Amino acid sequence: MSALNNSEVQLFLRIGIPGLEHAHIWISIPICLMYLVAIIGNSTILFIIKTQPSIHEPTYYFLALSAISDLGRSFSSLPTVLRIFLFNSMGISPNVCFAQEFFIHGFTVMESSVLLVVSLDHFLAFHNPLRYSSLLASNRVANMGLILATRSILLVLPFPFTLRRLKYYQKNLFSHSNCLHQDTMKLACSDNKINVIYGFVALCTMLDLALIFLSYFLILKTVLSIASLSERLKALNTCVSHICAVLVFYVPIITLAAMHHFAKHKSLLVIIFVTDIFLLLPPVMNPIMYCAKTRQIW
C-alpha cells in the first residue's frame, strides 16, 4: 500500500456508525442531548462554585477542575461528531485532527490527575482532619491546579508535532468519529517511535489509578479503626461520588486500551460504542454524581 507524507494527505476520513448512515440524523438527537447535559451540568457546577463563597474549599476547587476537564473534552469532540451525524461530513484535515487529539488526550490526562488529587484530598481529610485546612490552603490548591494543567500539556505536547512528521497510508479511515492516538498510529506507515511517548502517557495514567487505589486502601484502613458502625458508613458515604467517577472514567479507558492491544478480532461497532462511552459518559455523569451526593452543591 502506497504512503503519503502528511503534507500530501489532504483529509483523514472518520465514520459514524457503519450500516446506520441513513439514521445518523436521528442518532444525533440523543448524542446532542448528552453533550447538552454535559455542558450545562459542568457549567452549572463552575457557576455555583464561583458565586457561592460558602463552598470555596479545596474539595470544591478540585471539583471545578474536574468540570473544566469535562467541558474541555466535550468541546474537543463535539464539532466533529456534529459534522458527521448532522451533515455527513466525514473528512478532517490532518492538522485539525492532530489538534483534536492533543486536546482530547490533554484533558483526559488532566481528569486523571484531578481524580488522583481528590483521592489524596479525601485521605488527608480522614487521616489528619485537624491539619486539613492548613495542608490544603487556597494558595496550595491554586499551585496544584497549575501543576496539573502543566503536567497535562507537557505529557501530550509532543503528539501533534511528531505526528506531522510521519507518513500515512492512502487508505486513511478512522474507526470512529474522533481523532484518538491509537487510530492515528494505525494509519502511519513510518517509524512509530511516538508510541513510546504515548506509552509513557498511558503509564502515567495507570500510575494515577494505582495511587488512587493506594489512597483508598489507606482511607479504608483509617475508617475501619472507627468504633461506631454508623460513623464508618457515614465516612465512607462521602467517598461514593468520587469512587463512581473513578469507575466511569477508568473502565472505558482500560477496556479501549485492552481492545486495541490484545483483541485479535475486534468488532468495529464495539470499538465505536466504547469510544463514545469514554468521551461522553464521564462529562455527563460527573455533574449528576457529584450533585446527587453533595449537599452543599444542592
Protein backbone atom coordinates (compact mmCIF):
# COMPACT_ATOMS: atom_id res chain seq x y z
CA MET A 1 0.00 0.00 0.00
CA SER A 2 1.49 3.36 -1.00
CA ALA A 3 2.16 6.03 1.58
CA LEU A 4 1.96 9.80 1.62
CA ASN A 5 3.69 12.49 3.65
CA ASN A 6 1.48 14.50 5.95
CA SER A 7 1.86 17.48 3.63
CA GLU A 8 0.33 15.38 0.83
CA VAL A 9 -2.53 13.97 2.91
CA GLN A 10 -5.49 16.24 2.31
CA LEU A 11 -8.05 14.55 4.55
CA PHE A 12 -8.47 11.82 7.11
CA LEU A 13 -11.85 10.12 6.96
CA ARG A 14 -13.97 9.34 10.03
CA ILE A 15 -17.07 7.23 10.37
CA GLY A 16 -20.26 7.45 12.39
CA ILE A 17 -22.00 4.11 12.90
CA PRO A 18 -21.47 1.70 9.99
CA GLY A 19 -24.69 0.38 8.49
CA LEU A 20 -26.79 3.10 10.12
CA GLU A 21 -25.74 6.04 7.95
CA HIS A 22 -29.37 6.58 6.96
CA ALA A 23 -30.30 7.05 10.62
CA HIS A 24 -27.45 9.38 11.58
CA ILE A 25 -29.76 12.38 11.86
CA TRP A 26 -31.90 10.52 14.43
CA ILE A 27 -28.89 9.14 16.28
CA SER A 28 -27.60 12.70 16.58
CA ILE A 29 -30.57 13.66 18.78
CA PRO A 30 -29.62 11.62 21.90
CA ILE A 31 -25.93 12.36 21.30
CA CYS A 32 -26.60 16.11 21.19
CA LEU A 33 -28.77 15.83 24.30
CA MET A 34 -25.93 14.11 26.15
CA TYR A 35 -23.49 16.83 25.12
CA LEU A 36 -26.03 19.44 26.21
CA VAL A 37 -26.40 17.78 29.62
CA ALA A 38 -22.61 17.61 29.98
CA ILE A 39 -22.08 21.27 29.05
CA ILE A 40 -24.96 22.63 31.15
CA GLY A 41 -24.16 20.39 34.13
CA ASN A 42 -20.45 21.22 34.30
CA SER A 43 -21.04 24.91 33.57
CA THR A 44 -23.58 24.99 36.40
CA ILE A 45 -21.06 23.46 38.81
CA LEU A 46 -18.47 26.08 37.84
CA PHE A 47 -21.05 28.87 38.26
CA ILE A 48 -22.14 27.62 41.70
CA ILE A 49 -18.56 27.25 42.96
CA LYS A 50 -17.63 30.71 41.68
CA THR A 51 -20.67 32.51 43.12
CA GLN A 52 -21.04 30.75 46.50
CA PRO A 53 -18.31 31.79 48.97
CA SER A 54 -19.51 29.15 51.44
CA ILE A 55 -18.07 26.36 49.28
CA HIS A 56 -14.71 27.99 48.50
CA GLU A 57 -12.91 24.96 49.88
CA PRO A 58 -10.27 22.59 48.42
CA THR A 59 -12.77 19.82 47.64
CA TYR A 60 -14.87 22.14 45.50
CA TYR A 61 -11.86 23.72 43.80
CA PHE A 62 -10.89 20.21 42.69
CA LEU A 63 -14.48 19.64 41.57
CA ALA A 64 -14.17 22.81 39.48
CA LEU A 65 -11.01 21.44 37.86
CA SER A 66 -12.88 18.22 37.05
CA ALA A 67 -15.69 20.25 35.48
CA ILE A 68 -13.17 22.19 33.37
CA SER A 69 -11.66 18.89 32.16
CA ASP A 70 -15.09 17.54 31.25
CA LEU A 71 -16.00 20.72 29.38
CA GLY A 72 -12.69 20.60 27.55
CA ARG A 73 -13.24 17.03 26.38
CA SER A 74 -16.83 17.80 25.38
CA PHE A 75 -15.91 20.86 23.32
CA SER A 76 -12.96 19.00 21.77
CA SER A 77 -15.08 16.15 20.41
CA LEU A 78 -18.44 17.87 19.80
CA PRO A 79 -17.68 19.66 16.48
CA THR A 80 -16.50 16.55 14.64
CA VAL A 81 -19.38 14.46 15.97
CA LEU A 82 -21.91 17.05 14.80
CA ARG A 83 -20.29 17.25 11.37
CA ILE A 84 -20.63 13.50 10.87
CA PHE A 85 -24.08 12.88 12.30
CA LEU A 86 -25.79 16.10 11.20
CA PHE A 87 -24.03 16.95 7.93
CA ASN A 88 -22.49 13.59 6.92
CA SER A 89 -19.11 15.31 6.57
CA MET A 90 -16.52 12.59 7.11
CA GLY A 91 -13.34 14.44 6.17
CA ILE A 92 -10.99 16.22 8.59
CA SER A 93 -7.67 17.86 7.77
CA PRO A 94 -4.56 16.32 9.38
CA ASN A 95 -3.71 19.48 11.36
CA VAL A 96 -7.23 19.74 12.79
CA CYS A 97 -7.12 16.03 13.59
CA PHE A 98 -3.80 16.33 15.44
CA ALA A 99 -5.09 19.38 17.34
CA GLN A 100 -8.20 17.47 18.39
CA GLU A 101 -6.07 14.55 19.54
CA PHE A 102 -3.92 16.94 21.61
CA PHE A 103 -6.93 18.46 23.38
CA ILE A 104 -8.82 15.18 23.96
CA HIS A 105 -5.79 13.39 25.40
CA GLY A 106 -4.65 16.50 27.28
CA PHE A 107 -7.98 16.94 29.07
CA THR A 108 -8.08 13.17 29.69
CA VAL A 109 -4.71 13.33 31.46
CA MET A 110 -5.94 16.34 33.43
CA GLU A 111 -9.09 14.48 34.52
CA SER A 112 -6.96 11.54 35.65
CA SER A 113 -4.73 13.90 37.65
CA VAL A 114 -7.75 15.56 39.27
CA LEU A 115 -9.19 12.18 40.32
CA LEU A 116 -5.86 11.35 41.94
CA VAL A 117 -5.68 14.67 43.80
CA VAL A 118 -9.29 14.29 45.04
CA SER A 119 -8.44 10.84 46.44
CA LEU A 120 -5.46 12.40 48.26
CA ASP A 121 -7.79 15.16 49.48
CA HIS A 122 -10.13 12.51 50.94
CA PHE A 123 -7.18 10.71 52.55
CA LEU A 124 -5.97 13.90 54.26
CA ALA A 125 -9.50 14.66 55.46
CA PHE A 126 -9.74 11.21 57.08
CA HIS A 127 -6.18 10.75 58.26
CA ASN A 128 -5.36 14.22 59.56
CA PRO A 129 -8.58 16.25 59.86
CA LEU A 130 -7.12 18.79 62.33
CA ARG A 131 -4.40 19.87 59.89
CA TYR A 132 -6.52 19.51 56.74
CA SER A 133 -7.22 23.23 56.30
CA SER A 134 -3.58 24.22 56.78
CA LEU A 135 -2.25 21.48 54.50
CA LEU A 136 -4.64 22.44 51.70
CA ALA A 137 -4.65 26.22 51.89
CA SER A 138 -6.05 28.16 48.94
CA ASN A 139 -2.62 29.10 47.56
CA ARG A 140 -1.51 25.45 47.65
CA VAL A 141 -4.66 24.36 45.85
CA ALA A 142 -4.05 27.00 43.17
CA ASN A 143 -0.45 25.80 42.75
CA MET A 144 -1.66 22.20 42.48
CA GLY A 145 -4.14 23.20 39.78
CA LEU A 146 -1.36 24.93 37.85
CA ILE A 147 0.88 21.87 38.19
CA LEU A 148 -1.91 19.57 36.95
CA ALA A 149 -2.54 21.77 33.91
CA THR A 150 1.19 21.99 33.13
CA ARG A 151 1.60 18.22 33.52
CA SER A 152 -1.30 17.57 31.13
CA ILE A 153 0.11 19.91 28.48
CA LEU A 154 3.69 18.65 28.69
CA LEU A 155 2.72 14.97 28.50
CA VAL A 156 0.75 15.32 25.24
CA LEU A 157 2.59 18.28 23.68
CA PRO A 158 4.89 16.07 21.53
CA PHE A 159 1.91 14.35 19.84
CA PRO A 160 0.86 16.90 17.19
CA PHE A 161 4.42 17.85 16.24
CA THR A 162 5.63 14.27 15.91
CA LEU A 163 2.51 13.08 14.08
CA ARG A 164 3.00 15.76 11.43
CA ARG A 165 6.37 14.23 10.50
CA LEU A 166 5.01 10.74 9.86
CA LYS A 167 3.97 9.20 6.55
CA TYR A 168 0.44 7.84 6.18
CA TYR A 169 -1.26 5.24 4.04
CA GLN A 170 -3.57 6.45 1.31
CA LYS A 171 -6.33 4.42 2.97
CA ASN A 172 -6.77 6.82 5.89
CA LEU A 173 -10.08 5.81 7.51
CA PHE A 174 -10.57 6.07 11.26
CA SER A 175 -12.62 3.52 13.17
CA HIS A 176 -14.82 6.15 14.87
CA SER A 177 -15.81 9.80 14.69
CA ASN A 178 -12.92 11.38 16.64
CA CYS A 179 -9.15 11.51 16.30
CA LEU A 180 -7.57 9.37 19.01
CA HIS A 181 -3.94 8.30 19.12
CA GLN A 182 -4.47 4.59 18.61
CA ASP A 183 -6.30 5.15 15.34
CA THR A 184 -3.86 7.75 14.06
CA MET A 185 -0.89 5.44 14.60
CA LYS A 186 -2.61 2.66 12.65
CA LEU A 187 -2.69 4.96 9.62
CA ALA A 188 1.03 5.72 9.88
CA CYS A 189 3.41 3.61 7.82
CA SER A 190 6.67 5.18 9.02
CA ASP A 191 8.63 4.89 12.24
CA ASN A 192 6.30 4.58 15.23
CA LYS A 193 8.67 5.88 17.89
CA ILE A 194 5.92 8.20 19.08
CA ASN A 195 4.27 5.12 20.55
CA VAL A 196 6.99 5.26 23.21
CA ILE A 197 5.70 8.73 24.16
CA TYR A 198 2.11 7.52 24.20
CA GLY A 199 3.15 4.53 26.27
CA PHE A 200 4.68 6.91 28.81
CA VAL A 201 1.42 8.94 28.93
CA ALA A 202 -0.59 5.72 29.40
CA LEU A 203 1.84 4.65 32.15
CA CYS A 204 1.32 7.98 33.96
CA THR A 205 -2.46 7.49 33.76
CA MET A 206 -2.21 3.98 35.15
CA LEU A 207 0.13 5.25 37.87
CA ASP A 208 -2.59 7.74 38.83
CA LEU A 209 -5.04 4.83 39.12
CA ALA A 210 -2.60 2.82 41.25
CA LEU A 211 -2.12 5.78 43.62
CA ILE A 212 -5.91 6.22 43.83
CA PHE A 213 -6.20 2.56 44.89
CA LEU A 214 -3.45 3.13 47.47
CA SER A 215 -5.23 6.22 48.81
CA TYR A 216 -8.47 4.30 49.26
CA PHE A 217 -6.66 1.40 50.89
CA LEU A 218 -5.29 3.85 53.48
CA ILE A 219 -8.70 5.52 53.80
CA LEU A 220 -10.36 2.16 54.41
CA LYS A 221 -7.72 1.31 57.00
CA THR A 222 -8.45 4.60 58.78
CA VAL A 223 -12.23 4.18 58.59
CA LEU A 224 -12.10 0.64 59.98
CA SER A 225 -10.40 1.99 63.09
CA ILE A 226 -13.58 3.97 63.89
CA ALA A 227 -15.54 2.15 66.60
CA SER A 228 -19.08 3.11 65.55
CA LEU A 229 -20.54 1.30 62.53
CA SER A 230 -22.82 4.24 61.70
CA GLU A 231 -19.81 6.60 61.73
CA ARG A 232 -17.92 4.24 59.43
CA LEU A 233 -20.77 4.21 56.92
CA LYS A 234 -21.15 7.97 57.17
CA ALA A 235 -17.44 8.42 56.49
CA LEU A 236 -17.42 6.05 53.51
CA ASN A 237 -20.53 7.70 52.11
CA THR A 238 -18.52 10.87 51.49
CA CYS A 239 -16.34 8.92 49.03
CA VAL A 240 -19.14 7.31 46.97
CA SER A 241 -19.37 10.01 44.29
CA HIS A 242 -15.61 10.02 43.76
CA ILE A 243 -15.43 6.22 43.55
CA CYS A 244 -18.20 6.27 40.92
CA ALA A 245 -16.33 8.99 39.00
CA VAL A 246 -13.16 6.85 39.05
CA LEU A 247 -15.03 3.83 37.69
CA VAL A 248 -16.86 5.83 35.00
CA PHE A 249 -13.55 7.36 33.86
CA TYR A 250 -11.12 4.44 34.01
CA VAL A 251 -13.25 1.44 32.97
CA PRO A 252 -13.81 2.70 29.37
CA ILE A 253 -10.13 3.70 29.06
CA ILE A 254 -8.86 0.30 30.20
CA THR A 255 -11.45 -1.50 28.03
CA LEU A 256 -10.49 0.52 24.94
CA ALA A 257 -6.76 0.02 25.53
CA ALA A 258 -7.23 -3.73 26.01
CA MET A 259 -9.25 -4.00 22.81
CA HIS A 260 -6.63 -2.14 20.77
CA HIS A 261 -3.69 -4.11 22.14
CA PHE A 262 -4.96 -7.62 22.85
CA ALA A 263 -8.15 -8.33 20.88
CA LYS A 264 -7.38 -10.17 17.64
CA HIS A 265 -10.87 -9.92 16.16
CA LYS A 266 -12.24 -6.54 17.17
CA SER A 267 -15.83 -5.59 16.46
CA LEU A 268 -15.92 -2.12 14.89
CA LEU A 269 -19.29 -1.38 16.48
CA VAL A 270 -17.96 -2.31 19.94
CA ILE A 271 -14.94 -0.03 19.47
CA ILE A 272 -17.23 2.84 18.43
CA PHE A 273 -19.51 2.20 21.41
CA VAL A 274 -16.67 2.07 23.96
CA THR A 275 -15.02 5.16 22.44
CA ASP A 276 -18.27 7.11 22.68
CA ILE A 277 -18.66 6.00 26.31
CA PHE A 278 -15.09 7.11 27.01
CA LEU A 279 -15.75 10.59 25.56
CA LEU A 280 -19.35 11.14 26.63
CA LEU A 281 -20.13 9.27 29.84
CA PRO A 282 -17.77 10.98 32.34
CA PRO A 283 -18.75 14.57 31.36
CA VAL A 284 -22.45 13.60 31.55
CA MET A 285 -22.31 11.56 34.75
CA ASN A 286 -19.85 13.56 36.88
CA PRO A 287 -22.18 16.54 37.49
CA ILE A 288 -25.04 14.17 38.27
CA MET A 289 -22.99 12.04 40.68
CA TYR A 290 -21.34 14.94 42.49
CA CYS A 291 -24.56 16.94 42.77
CA ALA A 292 -26.58 13.94 43.95
CA LYS A 293 -24.11 13.17 46.77
CA THR A 294 -23.02 16.71 47.71
CA ARG A 295 -25.43 18.58 49.98
CA GLN A 296 -23.53 21.86 49.61
CA ILE A 297 -23.95 21.81 45.81
CA TRP A 298 -27.68 21.20 46.21
